[in-house]
Amino acid sequence: MRLIDLHCDTILCCMDDIENLGLLRNDFNVDIEKLKKANSLAQFFALFVDLEKTEDPLDTCLRMANKFHQELEENKDSISLARSYEELVSNDKEGKISAFLTVEEGGVLKGNIDNLKLLKDLGVRLITLTWNYPNEIGYPNANRKNWMKGLTSFGKDVVCEMNSLGMIVDVSHLSDEGFYDVAEIASKPFVASHSNARAITHNYRNLTDDMIKLLGEKGGVTGINFEKSFLGNRNISAVEDMVTHIKHIVNVGGMEVVAMGTDFDGISQELEIRNIGEIEKLIVALKRQGFTEGQLDKLLYKNSLRVIKDIL
């Protein structure tokens, strides 16, 4: 079986890594060797920027992008940038994993719509509109007082321009009202790259049943997040809890709305699935619950592949 994972924070780990382990082989949750073990078709790599830890978010983002491209160049026999569905197919034919570049924090745009084109030229194909702080685009779900605050006028312009440019809009971390604003104005499918079901675990980062239904109706997907606090109340990220969320999301929104969005290298490390190379543990558990090969293919990669083809 193949795998597409819509979100990891591995590039930040590579930036902070004093031992210079790099993307080929490291002590993180994701590296090329682990991706090969998982039979990965594509991995989405986020350029995560913490607005409170940088004076210039765009500059920080660009430096991370340089690191990303450097790692791809050093490992070009195994992994290659993908900017479109066609490039993903081409990479796969050459036996290479596709690396999609994303940005987690729309504040890197610094309120300037022209910076979207700059990011696209760098290879960015998905932007998570907010992280845990308000920005020029809108408000996060990190604080309940922001749940009913939606997109700003600039934020609405960003969504429309991303649709025009062929970039994937990501609503993970976005306020509830912001989610509905995106659903109303987006002309193309959008995603929640790493969010679970709020009906199962009442965490602000998860989606309500109504959101899941609407996301499915719009042709989008939500990626199952492996963070333990988004999955349940255990002191470990448990496969059993992942299965519970997956079954609920499928029951609510259909088989086409669920995908993988591990959030590896950005989550707590109390993990039953310790890295991307151990994804078979989830596959085995889902098979035990009666999921067919065709259904597993959809949630592991085909649903995400459909969104890539629709938008990129």
Protein backbone atom coordinates (compact mmCIF):
# COMPACT_ATOMS: atom_id res chain seq x y z
CA MET A 1 0.00 0.00 0.00
CA ARG A 2 1.09 3.57 -0.70
CA LEU A 3 1.00 6.56 1.66
CA ILE A 4 0.54 10.31 1.39
CA ASP A 5 1.02 12.26 4.62
CA LEU A 6 -0.31 15.82 4.51
CA HIS A 7 1.72 17.29 7.38
CA CYS A 8 5.02 16.97 9.21
CA ASP A 9 7.33 19.50 10.87
CA THR A 10 10.58 17.71 10.06
CA ILE A 11 12.22 20.69 8.34
CA LEU A 12 12.10 22.66 11.59
CA CYS A 13 13.83 19.74 13.32
CA CYS A 14 16.49 19.76 10.61
CA MET A 15 16.99 23.52 11.16
CA ASP A 16 17.47 23.01 14.90
CA ASP A 17 19.60 19.87 14.55
CA ILE A 18 23.11 20.60 15.86
CA GLU A 19 24.34 17.18 14.71
CA ASN A 20 23.35 17.90 11.08
CA LEU A 21 21.67 14.52 10.69
CA GLY A 22 19.66 15.71 7.68
CA LEU A 23 16.70 14.23 5.86
CA LEU A 24 18.21 10.92 4.74
CA ARG A 25 18.64 9.39 8.18
CA ASN A 26 17.89 11.02 11.53
CA ASP A 27 16.44 10.50 15.01
CA PHE A 28 13.18 12.29 14.13
CA ASN A 29 9.82 10.79 13.19
CA VAL A 30 10.38 11.32 9.46
CA ASP A 31 13.36 10.71 7.22
CA ILE A 32 13.85 9.27 3.76
CA GLU A 33 14.68 5.78 5.00
CA LYS A 34 11.51 5.70 7.13
CA LEU A 35 9.45 7.06 4.23
CA LYS A 36 10.73 4.24 2.02
CA LYS A 37 9.78 1.70 4.68
CA ALA A 38 6.26 3.18 4.67
CA ASN A 39 6.12 2.92 0.85
CA SER A 40 5.41 6.66 0.76
CA LEU A 41 4.18 8.15 -2.47
CA ALA A 42 4.41 11.71 -1.12
CA GLN A 43 5.23 13.63 2.05
CA PHE A 44 4.07 17.19 2.70
CA PHE A 45 6.81 19.12 4.53
CA ALA A 46 5.70 22.21 6.47
CA LEU A 47 7.74 25.35 6.93
CA PHE A 48 6.46 26.11 10.43
CA VAL A 49 7.02 29.65 11.70
CA ASP A 50 6.24 30.73 15.27
CA LEU A 51 5.27 34.41 15.04
CA GLU A 52 6.30 35.06 18.64
CA LYS A 53 9.81 33.74 18.04
CA THR A 54 10.75 35.70 14.93
CA GLU A 55 10.99 39.36 14.01
CA ASP A 56 10.56 38.67 10.30
CA PRO A 57 8.34 35.64 9.62
CA LEU A 58 8.86 35.77 5.86
CA ASP A 59 12.65 35.79 6.21
CA THR A 60 12.45 32.85 8.62
CA CYS A 61 10.22 31.00 6.17
CA LEU A 62 12.62 31.64 3.28
CA ARG A 63 15.59 30.34 5.27
CA MET A 64 13.65 27.15 6.02
CA ALA A 65 12.76 26.83 2.34
CA ASN A 66 16.45 27.03 1.49
CA LYS A 67 17.13 24.19 3.94
CA PHE A 68 14.34 22.13 2.39
CA HIS A 69 15.70 22.56 -1.13
CA GLN A 70 19.24 21.85 0.07
CA GLU A 71 18.10 18.55 1.58
CA LEU A 72 16.30 17.58 -1.62
CA GLU A 73 19.39 18.33 -3.68
CA GLU A 74 21.57 16.21 -1.39
CA ASN A 75 19.11 13.30 -1.67
CA LYS A 76 17.94 13.75 -5.26
CA ASP A 77 18.24 10.06 -6.07
CA SER A 78 15.51 9.24 -3.52
CA ILE A 79 13.23 12.26 -3.20
CA SER A 80 12.19 15.12 -5.45
CA LEU A 81 10.06 18.26 -5.27
CA ALA A 82 6.52 17.92 -6.55
CA ARG A 83 4.58 21.02 -7.55
CA SER A 84 1.78 19.30 -9.43
CA TYR A 85 -0.02 16.01 -9.87
CA GLU A 86 2.00 15.40 -13.03
CA GLU A 87 5.31 15.85 -11.20
CA LEU A 88 4.17 13.42 -8.51
CA VAL A 89 3.41 10.80 -11.18
CA SER A 90 6.76 11.46 -12.88
CA ASN A 91 8.66 11.16 -9.60
CA ASP A 92 6.94 7.89 -8.82
CA LYS A 93 7.85 6.45 -12.22
CA GLU A 94 11.48 7.31 -11.45
CA GLY A 95 11.25 5.53 -8.10
CA LYS A 96 11.37 8.77 -6.10
CA ILE A 97 9.28 9.98 -3.18
CA SER A 98 7.53 13.29 -3.89
CA ALA A 99 8.11 16.15 -1.46
CA PHE A 100 5.41 18.83 -1.36
CA LEU A 101 6.39 22.11 0.28
CA THR A 102 3.87 23.82 2.59
CA VAL A 103 3.76 26.77 4.98
CA GLU A 104 2.23 26.52 8.44
CA GLU A 105 1.42 30.12 9.41
CA GLY A 106 -0.19 32.51 6.94
CA GLY A 107 1.43 35.36 8.86
CA VAL A 108 4.55 34.82 6.74
CA LEU A 109 2.71 36.78 4.02
CA LYS A 110 3.01 39.86 6.25
CA GLY A 111 -0.30 41.13 4.91
CA ASN A 112 1.03 41.37 1.34
CA ILE A 113 -0.87 39.35 -1.28
CA ASP A 114 2.13 39.53 -3.63
CA ASN A 115 4.07 37.25 -1.28
CA LEU A 116 1.77 34.41 -2.31
CA LYS A 117 3.36 34.41 -5.76
CA LEU A 118 6.81 34.53 -4.15
CA LEU A 119 6.00 31.42 -2.12
CA LYS A 120 4.51 29.62 -5.09
CA ASP A 121 7.66 30.29 -7.12
CA LEU A 122 9.63 28.66 -4.27
CA GLY A 123 7.51 25.53 -4.66
CA VAL A 124 4.95 26.09 -1.89
CA ARG A 125 1.66 24.42 -2.76
CA LEU A 126 -0.27 24.49 0.53
CA ILE A 127 -0.64 27.13 3.24
CA THR A 128 -2.09 26.57 6.70
CA LEU A 129 -3.84 29.94 7.10
CA THR A 130 -3.16 30.37 10.82
CA TRP A 131 -1.26 28.68 13.59
CA ASN A 132 -2.02 29.55 17.23
CA TYR A 133 -1.96 33.35 16.95
CA PRO A 134 -4.17 35.84 15.12
CA ASN A 135 -2.61 37.13 11.91
CA GLU A 136 -3.59 39.31 8.96
CA ILE A 137 -5.64 36.44 7.51
CA GLY A 138 -7.79 35.53 10.48
CA TYR A 139 -7.98 33.93 13.90
CA PRO A 140 -6.90 30.57 15.32
CA ASN A 141 -8.86 28.04 17.34
CA ALA A 142 -6.21 28.13 20.08
CA ASN A 143 -8.39 30.34 22.26
CA ARG A 144 -12.13 29.86 22.58
CA LYS A 145 -12.75 33.61 22.44
CA ASN A 146 -11.61 33.51 18.79
CA TRP A 147 -13.88 30.68 17.67
CA MET A 148 -16.53 33.05 16.32
CA LYS A 149 -14.06 35.39 14.61
CA GLY A 150 -13.69 34.66 10.92
CA LEU A 151 -11.43 35.65 8.06
CA THR A 152 -10.42 39.26 7.59
CA SER A 153 -11.01 40.95 4.24
CA PHE A 154 -7.36 40.25 3.45
CA GLY A 155 -7.87 36.63 4.47
CA LYS A 156 -10.75 36.28 2.02
CA ASP A 157 -8.54 37.76 -0.70
CA VAL A 158 -5.83 35.22 0.17
CA VAL A 159 -8.24 32.29 -0.20
CA CYS A 160 -9.45 33.54 -3.58
CA GLU A 161 -5.90 34.17 -4.79
CA MET A 162 -4.73 30.74 -3.62
CA ASN A 163 -7.59 29.19 -5.59
CA SER A 164 -6.52 31.22 -8.61
CA LEU A 165 -2.84 30.27 -8.26
CA GLY A 166 -3.53 26.58 -7.71
CA MET A 167 -2.50 26.38 -4.04
CA ILE A 168 -4.23 24.25 -1.40
CA VAL A 169 -6.02 26.13 1.39
CA ASP A 170 -5.53 24.46 4.78
CA VAL A 171 -7.92 25.22 7.66
CA SER A 172 -6.23 23.23 10.43
CA HIS A 173 -5.72 25.65 13.37
CA LEU A 174 -8.28 28.09 11.91
CA SER A 175 -11.21 29.35 14.02
CA ASP A 176 -14.62 27.76 13.56
CA GLU A 177 -15.99 30.87 11.88
CA GLY A 178 -12.91 31.04 9.67
CA PHE A 179 -13.61 27.46 8.56
CA TYR A 180 -17.09 28.44 7.45
CA ASP A 181 -15.78 31.55 5.68
CA VAL A 182 -13.40 29.38 3.67
CA ALA A 183 -16.20 26.91 2.87
CA GLU A 184 -18.37 29.76 1.61
CA ILE A 185 -15.86 31.53 -0.62
CA ALA A 186 -13.49 28.78 -1.82
CA SER A 187 -14.00 27.80 -5.45
CA LYS A 188 -11.91 24.64 -5.06
CA PRO A 189 -11.65 21.90 -2.44
CA PHE A 190 -9.79 22.75 0.76
CA VAL A 191 -8.25 20.60 3.48
CA ALA A 192 -7.73 20.32 7.20
CA SER A 193 -4.28 18.81 6.84
CA HIS A 194 -3.93 17.59 10.45
CA SER A 195 -7.20 17.57 12.41
CA ASN A 196 -9.37 14.88 14.00
CA ALA A 197 -13.01 14.58 15.15
CA ARG A 198 -14.23 16.89 17.93
CA ALA A 199 -17.17 14.60 18.70
CA ILE A 200 -14.67 11.95 19.81
CA THR A 201 -12.14 14.24 21.51
CA HIS A 202 -13.37 17.70 22.44
CA ASN A 203 -10.27 19.64 21.49
CA TYR A 204 -10.33 22.99 19.69
CA ARG A 205 -8.04 21.59 17.00
CA ASN A 206 -10.53 18.94 15.91
CA LEU A 207 -13.45 19.34 13.51
CA THR A 208 -17.14 19.20 14.44
CA ASP A 209 -19.37 16.74 12.63
CA ASP A 210 -20.90 19.61 10.67
CA MET A 211 -17.43 20.69 9.52
CA ILE A 212 -16.54 17.14 8.49
CA LYS A 213 -19.74 16.85 6.42
CA LEU A 214 -19.16 20.23 4.77
CA LEU A 215 -15.51 19.46 4.08
CA GLY A 216 -16.57 16.25 2.35
CA GLU A 217 -19.25 18.02 0.33
CA LYS A 218 -16.61 20.48 -0.88
CA GLY A 219 -14.34 17.64 -2.02
CA GLY A 220 -11.75 18.13 0.71
CA VAL A 221 -10.11 15.88 3.28
CA THR A 222 -9.00 15.93 6.90
CA GLY A 223 -5.70 14.30 7.81
CA ILE A 224 -5.65 12.13 10.94
CA ASN A 225 -3.35 13.81 13.47
CA PHE A 226 -1.22 11.57 15.70
CA GLU A 227 -0.98 14.06 18.59
CA LYS A 228 -2.18 12.19 21.71
CA SER A 229 -4.22 15.11 23.10
CA PHE A 230 -6.19 15.34 19.83
CA LEU A 231 -6.84 11.59 19.85
CA GLY A 232 -8.02 10.92 23.41
CA ASN A 233 -7.12 10.99 27.07
CA ARG A 234 -4.32 8.44 27.19
CA ASN A 235 -0.71 9.25 27.99
CA ILE A 236 0.29 7.85 24.60
CA SER A 237 -0.76 8.37 20.99
CA ALA A 238 -2.67 5.11 20.62
CA VAL A 239 -3.53 3.29 17.41
CA GLU A 240 -6.89 2.31 18.93
CA ASP A 241 -7.82 5.99 19.26
CA MET A 242 -6.78 6.69 15.66
CA VAL A 243 -9.10 3.92 14.50
CA THR A 244 -11.95 5.40 16.56
CA HIS A 245 -11.51 8.81 14.94
CA ILE A 246 -11.22 7.33 11.46
CA LYS A 247 -14.40 5.27 11.86
CA HIS A 248 -16.31 8.30 13.15
CA ILE A 249 -15.13 10.58 10.34
CA VAL A 250 -16.05 7.96 7.74
CA ASN A 251 -19.49 7.50 9.31
CA VAL A 252 -20.10 11.24 9.33
CA GLY A 253 -18.54 12.44 6.09
CA GLY A 254 -17.97 9.35 3.99
CA MET A 255 -14.95 7.33 2.96
CA GLU A 256 -13.65 10.11 0.71
CA VAL A 257 -13.07 12.71 3.45
CA VAL A 258 -10.44 10.98 5.61
CA ALA A 259 -6.69 11.10 4.95
CA MET A 260 -3.37 11.03 6.79
CA GLY A 261 -1.88 14.11 8.45
CA THR A 262 0.41 12.73 11.14
CA ASP A 263 1.91 16.02 12.37
CA PHE A 264 5.08 14.01 12.99
CA ASP A 265 8.03 15.96 14.41
CA GLY A 266 5.60 18.57 15.71
CA ILE A 267 3.82 16.50 18.36
CA SER A 268 4.49 14.84 21.73
CA GLN A 269 6.75 11.86 21.42
CA GLU A 270 4.73 9.38 23.51
CA LEU A 271 3.86 7.38 20.40
CA GLU A 272 2.65 3.85 19.71
CA ILE A 273 3.56 4.51 16.06
CA ARG A 274 7.01 5.93 16.72
CA ASN A 275 7.73 7.13 13.19
CA ILE A 276 6.36 7.14 9.65
CA GLY A 277 8.05 3.81 8.96
CA GLU A 278 5.71 2.08 11.44
CA ILE A 279 2.47 3.05 9.68
CA GLU A 280 1.79 -0.67 9.17
CA LYS A 281 0.59 -0.77 12.80
CA LEU A 282 -2.37 1.42 11.83
CA ILE A 283 -3.04 -0.57 8.66
CA VAL A 284 -3.18 -3.85 10.62
CA ALA A 285 -5.58 -2.34 13.18
CA LEU A 286 -7.88 -1.01 10.47
CA LYS A 287 -7.95 -4.37 8.71
CA ARG A 288 -9.03 -5.96 11.98
CA GLN A 289 -11.93 -3.51 12.06
CA GLY A 290 -13.08 -4.67 8.64
CA PHE A 291 -11.63 -1.99 6.38
CA THR A 292 -11.12 -3.35 2.88
CA GLU A 293 -8.01 -2.87 0.72
CA GLY A 294 -9.90 -0.35 -1.40
CA GLN A 295 -11.00 1.65 1.64
CA LEU A 296 -7.48 1.60 3.07
CA ASP A 297 -6.08 2.86 -0.22
CA LYS A 298 -8.49 5.80 -0.09
CA LEU A 299 -7.60 6.92 3.42
CA LEU A 300 -3.88 6.22 3.10
CA TYR A 301 -3.33 8.03 -0.21
CA LYS A 302 -6.07 8.09 -2.84
CA ASN A 303 -8.22 10.76 -1.19
CA SER A 304 -5.21 13.06 -0.87
CA LEU A 305 -4.17 12.21 -4.41
CA ARG A 306 -7.60 13.28 -5.64
CA VAL A 307 -7.24 16.68 -3.95
CA ILE A 308 -3.75 17.10 -5.41
CA LYS A 309 -5.09 16.31 -8.88
CA ASP A 310 -8.09 18.65 -8.44
CA ILE A 311 -6.06 21.65 -7.30
CA LEU A 312 -2.46 21.25 -8.49
